[in-house]
Amino acid sequence: MLEVAPRALDPDSAEWVRSLAAGGEAAYERLHAVLLRVAHAELRRRGPATGIAGPELDDLAHQAAADALVAIRRKLCEFRGESRFTTWAYKFVIFEVTRKLGRHFWRAPRAALDAEDWSALPDRFGLDPARESEWRDLIAALRRAVDEVLTERQRRAFVAIVLNDIPADALTHELCTTRNAIYKTLYDARRKLRAELVTAGLLDPDAAA
């Protein structure tokens, strides 16, 4: 069987691996500080959508950095140098941030996962109340299409994110999946719905594209 030679590590990655493999706590403390900065930055980026700020945000950042560090200790031997060590390590803390935001939302959820709040859709889409007669049929057709055209998983993603304004992180946690998988599911759902509305003559094909 052909063996693939391991990639040569860049100097910075090699130093991280050497110092961490040696078991020095100073190296892990330095890595923890790096992970904590990344966790804070990611939480601040997502913060406006979650309503998390101040001491609560700081606490989640510390939790994410600490859990990411534990995972990195356990999986250090799996690092193969396909990317820089810091890039590899950042994935662990981003994963922990996502997981903790999901758990945080469901402690006091704003909406049930499968509740269909269609009444909020006009405001969410910015539809003009004065032109209700123009978009009423569009909303009705969209509602039928959600029930008849989408798969169950696509319907749940659309209802949760578009109708109920549930953050993707929360849905990721509830459905035991990844953000990328959620976004792909939602993309496919929207593509089906656009096609259905175009076929029904309720949406201009150029606007749908």
N, C-alpha and C. Protein backbone atom coordinates (compact mmCIF):
# COMPACT_ATOMS: atom_id res chain seq x y z
N MET A 1 0.85 -1.20 0.00
CA MET A 1 0.00 0.00 0.00
C MET A 1 0.88 1.24 0.00
N LEU A 2 0.56 2.19 -0.87
CA LEU A 2 1.35 3.40 -0.98
C LEU A 2 1.12 4.29 0.24
N GLU A 3 2.20 4.73 0.87
CA GLU A 3 2.10 5.61 2.03
C GLU A 3 2.37 7.04 1.59
N VAL A 4 1.56 7.94 2.08
CA VAL A 4 1.72 9.36 1.75
C VAL A 4 2.59 10.01 2.81
N ALA A 5 3.64 10.67 2.36
CA ALA A 5 4.55 11.31 3.31
C ALA A 5 3.83 12.45 4.02
N PRO A 6 4.06 12.62 5.33
CA PRO A 6 3.42 13.72 6.05
C PRO A 6 3.90 15.07 5.53
N ARG A 7 3.04 16.06 5.58
CA ARG A 7 3.40 17.40 5.13
C ARG A 7 4.42 18.01 6.08
N ALA A 8 5.33 18.78 5.50
CA ALA A 8 6.28 19.53 6.33
C ALA A 8 5.54 20.70 6.95
N LEU A 9 5.66 20.86 8.26
CA LEU A 9 4.95 21.93 8.95
C LEU A 9 5.68 23.26 8.77
N ASP A 10 4.90 24.33 8.66
CA ASP A 10 5.50 25.65 8.66
C ASP A 10 6.10 25.90 10.04
N PRO A 11 7.08 26.81 10.15
CA PRO A 11 7.78 27.00 11.43
C PRO A 11 6.87 27.30 12.62
N ASP A 12 5.85 28.14 12.40
CA ASP A 12 4.96 28.48 13.50
C ASP A 12 4.17 27.26 13.97
N SER A 13 3.65 26.50 13.02
CA SER A 13 2.89 25.29 13.38
C SER A 13 3.78 24.27 14.07
N ALA A 14 4.99 24.12 13.55
CA ALA A 14 5.92 23.16 14.15
C ALA A 14 6.23 23.53 15.60
N GLU A 15 6.36 24.82 15.87
CA GLU A 15 6.65 25.27 17.23
C GLU A 15 5.45 25.02 18.15
N TRP A 16 4.25 25.27 17.65
CA TRP A 16 3.07 24.98 18.46
C TRP A 16 2.99 23.50 18.81
N VAL A 17 3.16 22.65 17.83
CA VAL A 17 3.07 21.21 18.06
C VAL A 17 4.16 20.74 19.01
N ARG A 18 5.36 21.22 18.80
CA ARG A 18 6.47 20.80 19.67
C ARG A 18 6.23 21.19 21.12
N SER A 19 5.85 22.44 21.34
CA SER A 19 5.67 22.93 22.71
C SER A 19 4.47 22.28 23.39
N LEU A 20 3.38 22.06 22.63
CA LEU A 20 2.20 21.43 23.22
C LEU A 20 2.44 19.94 23.49
N ALA A 21 3.11 19.28 22.56
CA ALA A 21 3.40 17.85 22.74
C ALA A 21 4.32 17.61 23.92
N ALA A 22 5.14 18.60 24.22
CA ALA A 22 6.05 18.46 25.36
C ALA A 22 5.31 18.53 26.69
N GLY A 23 4.04 18.90 26.63
CA GLY A 23 3.22 18.92 27.84
C GLY A 23 3.40 20.14 28.71
N GLY A 24 4.03 21.17 28.17
CA GLY A 24 4.24 22.38 28.97
C GLY A 24 2.96 23.17 29.16
N GLU A 25 2.60 23.45 30.40
CA GLU A 25 1.37 24.18 30.67
C GLU A 25 1.44 25.60 30.14
N ALA A 26 2.67 26.16 30.06
CA ALA A 26 2.81 27.52 29.55
C ALA A 26 2.32 27.60 28.10
N ALA A 27 2.62 26.56 27.32
CA ALA A 27 2.19 26.55 25.93
C ALA A 27 0.67 26.46 25.84
N TYR A 28 0.05 25.66 26.70
CA TYR A 28 -1.41 25.56 26.68
C TYR A 28 -2.07 26.83 27.18
N GLU A 29 -1.42 27.50 28.12
CA GLU A 29 -1.96 28.78 28.58
C GLU A 29 -1.91 29.82 27.47
N ARG A 30 -0.82 29.79 26.69
CA ARG A 30 -0.69 30.71 25.56
C ARG A 30 -1.75 30.40 24.50
N LEU A 31 -1.98 29.13 24.25
CA LEU A 31 -3.00 28.74 23.28
C LEU A 31 -4.39 29.12 23.77
N HIS A 32 -4.63 28.95 25.07
CA HIS A 32 -5.93 29.32 25.63
C HIS A 32 -6.20 30.80 25.41
N ALA A 33 -5.18 31.64 25.58
CA ALA A 33 -5.36 33.07 25.38
C ALA A 33 -5.73 33.37 23.93
N VAL A 34 -5.11 32.66 22.99
CA VAL A 34 -5.43 32.83 21.57
C VAL A 34 -6.87 32.41 21.29
N LEU A 35 -7.26 31.25 21.82
CA LEU A 35 -8.61 30.74 21.61
C LEU A 35 -9.65 31.67 22.23
N LEU A 36 -9.33 32.25 23.36
CA LEU A 36 -10.26 33.15 24.03
C LEU A 36 -10.51 34.40 23.18
N ARG A 37 -9.46 34.91 22.56
CA ARG A 37 -9.62 36.07 21.68
C ARG A 37 -10.53 35.73 20.50
N VAL A 38 -10.32 34.55 19.93
CA VAL A 38 -11.15 34.12 18.80
C VAL A 38 -12.61 33.96 19.24
N ALA A 39 -12.81 33.35 20.41
CA ALA A 39 -14.17 33.15 20.92
C ALA A 39 -14.87 34.48 21.14
N HIS A 40 -14.17 35.44 21.74
CA HIS A 40 -14.76 36.77 21.96
C HIS A 40 -15.13 37.42 20.63
N ALA A 41 -14.23 37.35 19.65
CA ALA A 41 -14.49 37.98 18.35
C ALA A 41 -15.69 37.34 17.67
N GLU A 42 -15.78 36.01 17.72
CA GLU A 42 -16.89 35.32 17.07
C GLU A 42 -18.22 35.61 17.77
N LEU A 43 -18.20 35.68 19.09
CA LEU A 43 -19.42 35.97 19.83
C LEU A 43 -19.87 37.41 19.60
N ARG A 44 -18.91 38.33 19.50
CA ARG A 44 -19.29 39.72 19.20
C ARG A 44 -19.87 39.83 17.80
N ARG A 45 -19.33 39.05 16.87
CA ARG A 45 -19.84 39.07 15.50
C ARG A 45 -21.28 38.57 15.45
N ARG A 46 -21.57 37.51 16.21
CA ARG A 46 -22.91 36.92 16.19
C ARG A 46 -23.81 37.53 17.26
N GLY A 47 -23.23 38.31 18.16
CA GLY A 47 -23.96 38.83 19.32
C GLY A 47 -25.24 39.56 19.01
N PRO A 48 -25.24 40.50 18.03
CA PRO A 48 -26.46 41.26 17.76
C PRO A 48 -27.67 40.37 17.44
N ALA A 49 -27.43 39.22 16.81
CA ALA A 49 -28.54 38.33 16.46
C ALA A 49 -29.01 37.50 17.64
N THR A 50 -28.19 37.39 18.66
CA THR A 50 -28.52 36.54 19.81
C THR A 50 -28.94 37.33 21.04
N GLY A 51 -28.61 38.63 21.05
CA GLY A 51 -28.92 39.45 22.21
C GLY A 51 -27.99 39.20 23.39
N ILE A 52 -26.87 38.56 23.14
CA ILE A 52 -25.92 38.25 24.21
C ILE A 52 -24.84 39.33 24.24
N ALA A 53 -24.56 39.85 25.43
CA ALA A 53 -23.54 40.89 25.56
C ALA A 53 -23.03 40.91 27.00
N GLY A 54 -22.04 41.74 27.26
CA GLY A 54 -21.55 41.95 28.61
C GLY A 54 -20.98 40.71 29.27
N PRO A 55 -21.23 40.55 30.58
CA PRO A 55 -20.68 39.42 31.33
C PRO A 55 -21.12 38.06 30.77
N GLU A 56 -22.34 38.00 30.24
CA GLU A 56 -22.84 36.75 29.69
C GLU A 56 -22.01 36.32 28.48
N LEU A 57 -21.69 37.29 27.63
CA LEU A 57 -20.86 37.00 26.46
C LEU A 57 -19.47 36.57 26.89
N ASP A 58 -18.92 37.25 27.87
CA ASP A 58 -17.59 36.91 28.37
C ASP A 58 -17.55 35.50 28.95
N ASP A 59 -18.60 35.13 29.67
CA ASP A 59 -18.67 33.79 30.25
C ASP A 59 -18.73 32.72 29.16
N LEU A 60 -19.54 32.95 28.12
CA LEU A 60 -19.62 31.99 27.03
C LEU A 60 -18.28 31.86 26.30
N ALA A 61 -17.58 32.98 26.16
CA ALA A 61 -16.27 32.95 25.49
C ALA A 61 -15.28 32.10 26.29
N HIS A 62 -15.27 32.25 27.60
CA HIS A 62 -14.37 31.46 28.44
C HIS A 62 -14.73 29.97 28.37
N GLN A 63 -16.03 29.68 28.38
CA GLN A 63 -16.45 28.28 28.27
C GLN A 63 -16.02 27.66 26.94
N ALA A 64 -16.22 28.42 25.87
CA ALA A 64 -15.86 27.91 24.54
C ALA A 64 -14.37 27.69 24.42
N ALA A 65 -13.58 28.63 24.91
CA ALA A 65 -12.12 28.50 24.83
C ALA A 65 -11.63 27.32 25.66
N ALA A 66 -12.19 27.15 26.85
CA ALA A 66 -11.77 26.04 27.72
C ALA A 66 -12.11 24.69 27.10
N ASP A 67 -13.31 24.55 26.56
CA ASP A 67 -13.72 23.28 25.97
C ASP A 67 -12.93 22.99 24.69
N ALA A 68 -12.64 24.04 23.92
CA ALA A 68 -11.83 23.86 22.72
C ALA A 68 -10.43 23.39 23.09
N LEU A 69 -9.89 23.93 24.16
CA LEU A 69 -8.54 23.53 24.59
C LEU A 69 -8.51 22.06 24.97
N VAL A 70 -9.53 21.60 25.67
CA VAL A 70 -9.62 20.18 26.04
C VAL A 70 -9.64 19.31 24.79
N ALA A 71 -10.42 19.71 23.80
CA ALA A 71 -10.51 18.93 22.57
C ALA A 71 -9.18 18.91 21.82
N ILE A 72 -8.50 20.03 21.81
CA ILE A 72 -7.21 20.11 21.12
C ILE A 72 -6.17 19.23 21.81
N ARG A 73 -6.17 19.22 23.12
CA ARG A 73 -5.27 18.32 23.86
C ARG A 73 -5.49 16.87 23.43
N ARG A 74 -6.76 16.51 23.31
CA ARG A 74 -7.11 15.13 23.00
C ARG A 74 -6.77 14.76 21.56
N LYS A 75 -6.84 15.74 20.65
CA LYS A 75 -6.69 15.43 19.24
C LYS A 75 -5.40 15.98 18.62
N LEU A 76 -4.48 16.42 19.46
CA LEU A 76 -3.24 16.99 18.94
C LEU A 76 -2.51 16.02 18.02
N CYS A 77 -2.55 14.75 18.35
CA CYS A 77 -1.86 13.74 17.54
C CYS A 77 -2.47 13.60 16.14
N GLU A 78 -3.68 14.13 15.94
CA GLU A 78 -4.34 14.02 14.64
C GLU A 78 -3.98 15.16 13.70
N PHE A 79 -3.28 16.17 14.20
CA PHE A 79 -2.91 17.30 13.34
C PHE A 79 -1.88 16.84 12.32
N ARG A 80 -2.18 17.03 11.04
CA ARG A 80 -1.32 16.55 9.97
C ARG A 80 -0.70 17.66 9.13
N GLY A 81 -1.01 18.89 9.46
CA GLY A 81 -0.39 19.99 8.73
C GLY A 81 -1.05 20.37 7.43
N GLU A 82 -2.29 19.93 7.18
CA GLU A 82 -2.98 20.33 5.96
C GLU A 82 -3.27 21.83 5.95
N SER A 83 -3.29 22.43 7.13
CA SER A 83 -3.44 23.88 7.27
C SER A 83 -2.49 24.32 8.39
N ARG A 84 -2.42 25.61 8.61
CA ARG A 84 -1.61 26.09 9.74
C ARG A 84 -2.23 25.60 11.04
N PHE A 85 -1.41 25.42 12.04
CA PHE A 85 -1.92 24.89 13.31
C PHE A 85 -3.00 25.80 13.89
N THR A 86 -2.79 27.12 13.82
CA THR A 86 -3.78 28.03 14.41
C THR A 86 -5.11 27.94 13.67
N THR A 87 -5.06 27.77 12.34
CA THR A 87 -6.30 27.60 11.57
C THR A 87 -7.03 26.34 12.03
N TRP A 88 -6.29 25.28 12.22
CA TRP A 88 -6.85 24.01 12.70
C TRP A 88 -7.45 24.20 14.09
N ALA A 89 -6.74 24.89 14.97
CA ALA A 89 -7.21 25.09 16.34
C ALA A 89 -8.44 25.99 16.40
N TYR A 90 -8.50 26.99 15.50
CA TYR A 90 -9.64 27.90 15.51
C TYR A 90 -10.94 27.15 15.24
N LYS A 91 -10.90 26.09 14.44
CA LYS A 91 -12.12 25.35 14.13
C LYS A 91 -12.75 24.77 15.39
N PHE A 92 -11.93 24.39 16.35
CA PHE A 92 -12.46 23.83 17.59
C PHE A 92 -13.22 24.89 18.38
N VAL A 93 -12.66 26.08 18.47
CA VAL A 93 -13.31 27.12 19.28
C VAL A 93 -14.56 27.65 18.57
N ILE A 94 -14.53 27.73 17.23
CA ILE A 94 -15.72 28.15 16.50
C ILE A 94 -16.85 27.14 16.70
N PHE A 95 -16.48 25.86 16.68
CA PHE A 95 -17.48 24.81 16.92
C PHE A 95 -18.09 24.97 18.31
N GLU A 96 -17.26 25.24 19.31
CA GLU A 96 -17.76 25.39 20.68
C GLU A 96 -18.64 26.63 20.82
N VAL A 97 -18.28 27.71 20.14
CA VAL A 97 -19.12 28.91 20.18
C VAL A 97 -20.49 28.59 19.60
N THR A 98 -20.51 27.90 18.46
CA THR A 98 -21.78 27.53 17.84
C THR A 98 -22.62 26.67 18.77
N ARG A 99 -21.98 25.69 19.38
CA ARG A 99 -22.70 24.76 20.26
C ARG A 99 -23.29 25.50 21.47
N LYS A 100 -22.52 26.39 22.03
CA LYS A 100 -22.98 27.09 23.23
C LYS A 100 -24.06 28.12 22.92
N LEU A 101 -23.98 28.76 21.77
CA LEU A 101 -25.04 29.68 21.39
C LEU A 101 -26.35 28.92 21.17
N GLY A 102 -26.26 27.74 20.58
CA GLY A 102 -27.46 26.94 20.38
C GLY A 102 -28.10 26.54 21.69
N ARG A 103 -27.27 26.08 22.62
CA ARG A 103 -27.81 25.69 23.93
C ARG A 103 -28.40 26.89 24.66
N HIS A 104 -27.73 28.04 24.55
CA HIS A 104 -28.18 29.23 25.26
C HIS A 104 -29.57 29.65 24.80
N PHE A 105 -29.82 29.60 23.49
CA PHE A 105 -31.12 30.01 22.96
C PHE A 105 -32.25 29.18 23.53
N TRP A 106 -32.07 27.87 23.62
CA TRP A 106 -33.17 27.00 24.01
C TRP A 106 -33.44 27.00 25.51
N ARG A 107 -32.61 27.73 26.28
CA ARG A 107 -32.94 27.88 27.70
C ARG A 107 -34.19 28.73 27.87
N ALA A 108 -34.37 29.69 26.96
CA ALA A 108 -35.57 30.54 27.00
C ALA A 108 -35.98 30.84 25.57
N PRO A 109 -36.45 29.84 24.83
CA PRO A 109 -36.75 30.02 23.41
C PRO A 109 -37.85 31.04 23.17
N ARG A 110 -37.71 31.78 22.09
CA ARG A 110 -38.71 32.77 21.74
C ARG A 110 -39.87 32.18 20.95
N ALA A 111 -39.65 31.00 20.40
CA ALA A 111 -40.71 30.36 19.61
C ALA A 111 -40.47 28.87 19.58
N ALA A 112 -41.56 28.12 19.51
CA ALA A 112 -41.42 26.68 19.35
C ALA A 112 -40.85 26.40 17.98
N LEU A 113 -40.09 25.31 17.87
CA LEU A 113 -39.38 25.02 16.63
C LEU A 113 -40.32 24.90 15.44
N ASP A 114 -41.46 24.25 15.61
CA ASP A 114 -42.36 23.99 14.48
C ASP A 114 -43.58 24.92 14.45
N ALA A 115 -43.61 25.92 15.31
CA ALA A 115 -44.72 26.88 15.25
C ALA A 115 -44.60 27.70 13.97
N GLU A 116 -45.70 27.92 13.28
CA GLU A 116 -45.66 28.64 12.01
C GLU A 116 -46.30 30.02 12.19
N ASP A 117 -45.46 31.03 12.41
CA ASP A 117 -45.96 32.38 12.63
C ASP A 117 -46.01 33.15 11.30
N TRP A 118 -46.99 32.80 10.46
CA TRP A 118 -47.10 33.44 9.15
C TRP A 118 -47.49 34.91 9.26
N SER A 119 -48.08 35.29 10.38
CA SER A 119 -48.50 36.69 10.52
C SER A 119 -47.32 37.65 10.55
N ALA A 120 -46.15 37.15 10.91
CA ALA A 120 -44.97 38.02 10.99
C ALA A 120 -44.25 38.15 9.65
N LEU A 121 -44.63 37.34 8.67
CA LEU A 121 -43.89 37.30 7.41
C LEU A 121 -43.92 38.62 6.64
N PRO A 122 -45.06 39.30 6.52
CA PRO A 122 -45.05 40.58 5.78
C PRO A 122 -44.05 41.59 6.35
N ASP A 123 -43.98 41.72 7.68
CA ASP A 123 -43.02 42.63 8.29
C ASP A 123 -41.59 42.17 8.04
N ARG A 124 -41.38 40.86 8.13
CA ARG A 124 -40.03 40.33 7.96
C ARG A 124 -39.53 40.53 6.54
N PHE A 125 -40.45 40.45 5.56
CA PHE A 125 -40.09 40.65 4.16
C PHE A 125 -40.17 42.12 3.74
N GLY A 126 -40.65 42.97 4.64
CA GLY A 126 -40.76 44.39 4.32
C GLY A 126 -41.84 44.70 3.30
N LEU A 127 -42.93 43.93 3.35
CA LEU A 127 -44.03 44.15 2.40
C LEU A 127 -44.88 45.34 2.83
N ASP A 128 -45.25 46.15 1.86
CA ASP A 128 -46.01 47.37 2.13
C ASP A 128 -47.46 47.03 2.50
N PRO A 129 -47.91 47.39 3.72
CA PRO A 129 -49.29 47.08 4.13
C PRO A 129 -50.32 47.69 3.18
N ALA A 130 -49.98 48.81 2.55
CA ALA A 130 -50.91 49.47 1.65
C ALA A 130 -51.14 48.67 0.36
N ARG A 131 -50.25 47.70 0.12
CA ARG A 131 -50.38 46.89 -1.11
C ARG A 131 -50.72 45.45 -0.76
N GLU A 132 -51.45 45.26 0.33
CA GLU A 132 -51.76 43.91 0.80
C GLU A 132 -52.45 43.08 -0.26
N SER A 133 -53.34 43.70 -1.04
CA SER A 133 -54.07 42.94 -2.05
C SER A 133 -53.13 42.34 -3.09
N GLU A 134 -51.95 42.94 -3.28
CA GLU A 134 -51.00 42.47 -4.27
C GLU A 134 -50.20 41.26 -3.77
N TRP A 135 -49.88 41.26 -2.47
CA TRP A 135 -49.04 40.16 -1.99
C TRP A 135 -49.77 39.10 -1.18
N ARG A 136 -51.09 39.29 -0.97
CA ARG A 136 -51.83 38.30 -0.19
C ARG A 136 -51.82 36.93 -0.87
N ASP A 137 -52.04 36.92 -2.21
CA ASP A 137 -52.03 35.66 -2.94
C ASP A 137 -50.64 35.03 -2.95
N LEU A 138 -49.62 35.88 -3.01
CA LEU A 138 -48.25 35.39 -2.98
C LEU A 138 -47.95 34.66 -1.68
N ILE A 139 -48.36 35.24 -0.55
CA ILE A 139 -48.13 34.62 0.75
C ILE A 139 -48.91 33.31 0.86
N ALA A 140 -50.14 33.30 0.37
CA ALA A 140 -50.95 32.08 0.43
C ALA A 140 -50.31 30.97 -0.39
N ALA A 141 -49.81 31.32 -1.59
CA ALA A 141 -49.17 30.31 -2.43
C ALA A 141 -47.87 29.82 -1.80
N LEU A 142 -47.14 30.73 -1.18
CA LEU A 142 -45.90 30.35 -0.52
C LEU A 142 -46.19 29.37 0.62
N ARG A 143 -47.25 29.64 1.35
CA ARG A 143 -47.61 28.75 2.46
C ARG A 143 -47.95 27.35 1.96
N ARG A 144 -48.70 27.29 0.86
CA ARG A 144 -49.03 25.98 0.28
C ARG A 144 -47.77 25.26 -0.19
N ALA A 145 -46.88 26.02 -0.81
CA ALA A 145 -45.65 25.41 -1.33
C ALA A 145 -44.78 24.87 -0.21
N VAL A 146 -44.71 25.57 0.90
CA VAL A 146 -43.92 25.10 2.05
C VAL A 146 -44.44 23.74 2.51
N ASP A 147 -45.75 23.58 2.51
CA ASP A 147 -46.35 22.31 2.97
C ASP A 147 -46.26 21.20 1.93
N GLU A 148 -46.34 21.58 0.64
CA GLU A 148 -46.49 20.56 -0.40
C GLU A 148 -45.21 20.25 -1.18
N VAL A 149 -44.29 21.19 -1.26
CA VAL A 149 -43.12 21.02 -2.12
C VAL A 149 -41.86 20.66 -1.35
N LEU A 150 -41.70 21.21 -0.15
CA LEU A 150 -40.47 21.01 0.61
C LEU A 150 -40.44 19.64 1.29
N THR A 151 -39.24 19.13 1.50
CA THR A 151 -39.08 17.96 2.36
C THR A 151 -39.34 18.39 3.80
N GLU A 152 -39.51 17.43 4.68
CA GLU A 152 -39.78 17.77 6.08
C GLU A 152 -38.62 18.56 6.68
N ARG A 153 -37.39 18.17 6.35
CA ARG A 153 -36.23 18.88 6.89
C ARG A 153 -36.15 20.30 6.34
N GLN A 154 -36.44 20.46 5.05
CA GLN A 154 -36.44 21.80 4.45
C GLN A 154 -37.54 22.67 5.06
N ARG A 155 -38.71 22.06 5.28
CA ARG A 155 -39.81 22.82 5.88
C ARG A 155 -39.45 23.30 7.28
N ARG A 156 -38.84 22.41 8.07
CA ARG A 156 -38.47 22.79 9.44
C ARG A 156 -37.45 23.92 9.44
N ALA A 157 -36.48 23.86 8.54
CA ALA A 157 -35.47 24.91 8.47
C ALA A 157 -36.09 26.23 8.05
N PHE A 158 -36.97 26.20 7.04
CA PHE A 158 -37.61 27.42 6.56
C PHE A 158 -38.50 28.02 7.64
N VAL A 159 -39.32 27.21 8.26
CA VAL A 159 -40.23 27.71 9.29
C VAL A 159 -39.44 28.30 10.46
N ALA A 160 -38.42 27.59 10.90
CA ALA A 160 -37.66 28.05 12.07
C ALA A 160 -36.93 29.35 11.79
N ILE A 161 -36.22 29.42 10.67
CA ILE A 161 -35.36 30.57 10.41
C ILE A 161 -36.11 31.74 9.78
N VAL A 162 -36.94 31.46 8.77
CA VAL A 162 -37.61 32.54 8.05
C VAL A 162 -38.86 33.03 8.78
N LEU A 163 -39.68 32.11 9.27
CA LEU A 163 -40.93 32.52 9.93
C LEU A 163 -40.72 32.90 11.39
N ASN A 164 -39.98 32.06 12.11
CA ASN A 164 -39.88 32.25 13.56
C ASN A 164 -38.63 32.98 14.00
N ASP A 165 -37.75 33.31 13.04
CA ASP A 165 -36.55 34.08 13.32
C ASP A 165 -35.66 33.40 14.37
N ILE A 166 -35.59 32.08 14.32
CA ILE A 166 -34.72 31.32 15.21
C ILE A 166 -33.31 31.34 14.63
N PRO A 167 -32.30 31.69 15.41
CA PRO A 167 -30.93 31.75 14.89
C PRO A 167 -30.46 30.40 14.36
N ALA A 168 -29.61 30.45 13.35
CA ALA A 168 -29.07 29.21 12.78
C ALA A 168 -28.32 28.39 13.82
N ASP A 169 -27.63 29.06 14.74
CA ASP A 169 -26.89 28.34 15.79
C ASP A 169 -27.84 27.52 16.65
N ALA A 170 -29.00 28.09 16.98
CA ALA A 170 -29.97 27.37 17.80
C ALA A 170 -30.54 26.18 17.05
N LEU A 171 -30.82 26.37 15.77
CA LEU A 171 -31.36 25.28 14.98
C LEU A 171 -30.32 24.18 14.79
N THR A 172 -29.07 24.57 14.62
CA THR A 172 -27.97 23.61 14.51
C THR A 172 -27.92 22.70 15.73
N HIS A 173 -28.06 23.31 16.90
CA HIS A 173 -28.03 22.53 18.15
C HIS A 173 -29.24 21.61 18.25
N GLU A 174 -30.41 22.13 17.92
CA GLU A 174 -31.64 21.36 18.09
C GLU A 174 -31.70 20.17 17.13
N LEU A 175 -31.20 20.34 15.91
CA LEU A 175 -31.27 19.28 14.90
C LEU A 175 -30.00 18.43 14.85
N CYS A 176 -29.04 18.72 15.73
CA CYS A 176 -27.79 17.95 15.78
C CYS A 176 -27.10 17.91 14.42
N THR A 177 -26.89 19.09 13.84
CA THR A 177 -26.26 19.17 12.53
C THR A 177 -25.24 20.30 12.54
N THR A 178 -24.83 20.77 11.37
CA THR A 178 -23.85 21.84 11.27
C THR A 178 -24.47 23.08 10.63
N ARG A 179 -23.82 24.22 10.81
CA ARG A 179 -24.31 25.45 10.20
C ARG A 179 -24.34 25.33 8.68
N ASN A 180 -23.29 24.74 8.11
CA ASN A 180 -23.25 24.59 6.65
C ASN A 180 -24.41 23.73 6.14
N ALA A 181 -24.72 22.68 6.90
CA ALA A 181 -25.83 21.81 6.49
C ALA A 181 -27.16 22.57 6.57
N ILE A 182 -27.32 23.38 7.61
CA ILE A 182 -28.54 24.18 7.75
C ILE A 182 -28.67 25.16 6.59
N TYR A 183 -27.58 25.86 6.26
CA TYR A 183 -27.63 26.84 5.18
C TYR A 183 -27.88 26.17 3.83
N LYS A 184 -27.32 24.98 3.62
CA LYS A 184 -27.56 24.25 2.37
C LYS A 184 -29.03 23.84 2.29
N THR A 185 -29.58 23.35 3.40
CA THR A 185 -31.00 22.97 3.43
C THR A 185 -31.89 24.16 3.13
N LEU A 186 -31.59 25.31 3.74
CA LEU A 186 -32.39 26.51 3.53
C LEU A 186 -32.25 27.01 2.09
N TYR A 187 -31.05 26.94 1.54
CA TYR A 187 -30.83 27.35 0.14
C TYR A 187 -31.67 26.50 -0.81
N ASP A 188 -31.66 25.18 -0.60
CA ASP A 188 -32.44 24.28 -1.45
C ASP A 188 -33.93 24.56 -1.30
N ALA A 189 -34.37 24.85 -0.07
CA ALA A 189 -35.78 25.14 0.17
C ALA A 189 -36.20 26.40 -0.57
N ARG A 190 -35.40 27.45 -0.48
CA ARG A 190 -35.74 28.70 -1.14
C ARG A 190 -35.75 28.54 -2.66
N ARG A 191 -34.84 27.75 -3.18
CA ARG A 191 -34.80 27.52 -4.62
C ARG A 191 -36.08 26.82 -5.09
N LYS A 192 -36.53 25.82 -4.34
CA LYS A 192 -37.79 25.13 -4.68
C LYS A 192 -38.98 26.09 -4.62
N LEU A 193 -39.02 26.91 -3.57
CA LEU A 193 -40.14 27.82 -3.40
C LEU A 193 -40.18 28.87 -4.51
N ARG A 194 -39.01 29.41 -4.87
CA ARG A 194 -38.98 30.38 -5.97
C ARG A 194 -39.51 29.76 -7.25
N ALA A 195 -39.05 28.54 -7.55
CA ALA A 195 -39.49 27.87 -8.77
C ALA A 195 -41.00 27.66 -8.76
N GLU A 196 -41.55 27.29 -7.62
CA GLU A 196 -42.99 27.05 -7.51
C GLU A 196 -43.78 28.34 -7.73
N LEU A 197 -43.29 29.45 -7.17
CA LEU A 197 -44.00 30.72 -7.32
C LEU A 197 -43.89 31.26 -8.74
N VAL A 198 -42.75 31.01 -9.39
CA VAL A 198 -42.60 31.41 -10.79
C VAL A 198 -43.57 30.63 -11.66
N THR A 199 -43.65 29.32 -11.43
CA THR A 199 -44.56 28.46 -12.20
C THR A 199 -46.01 28.91 -12.02
N ALA A 200 -46.34 29.36 -10.83
CA ALA A 200 -47.71 29.81 -10.55
C ALA A 200 -47.98 31.21 -11.09
N GLY A 201 -46.96 31.85 -11.66
CA GLY A 201 -47.13 33.19 -12.21
C GLY A 201 -47.19 34.29 -11.17
N LEU A 202 -46.73 33.98 -9.96
CA LEU A 202 -46.79 34.95 -8.86
C LEU A 202 -45.46 35.63 -8.60
N LEU A 203 -44.44 35.20 -9.30
CA LEU A 203 -43.11 35.78 -9.11
C LEU A 203 -42.44 35.90 -10.46
N ASP A 204 -41.84 37.05 -10.71
CA ASP A 204 -41.15 37.27 -11.97
C ASP A 204 -39.89 36.41 -12.03
N PRO A 205 -39.65 35.69 -13.13
CA PRO A 205 -38.47 34.82 -13.21
C PRO A 205 -37.16 35.57 -13.00
N ASP A 206 -37.05 36.78 -13.54
CA ASP A 206 -35.82 37.55 -13.36
C ASP A 206 -35.62 37.95 -11.92
N ALA A 207 -36.71 38.31 -11.22
CA ALA A 207 -36.61 38.66 -9.81
C ALA A 207 -36.25 37.42 -9.00
N ALA A 208 -36.81 36.27 -9.40
CA ALA A 208 -36.52 35.02 -8.68
C ALA A 208 -35.06 34.65 -8.78
N ALA A 209 -34.45 34.92 -9.94
CA ALA A 209 -33.03 34.59 -10.12
C ALA A 209 -32.17 35.43 -9.23
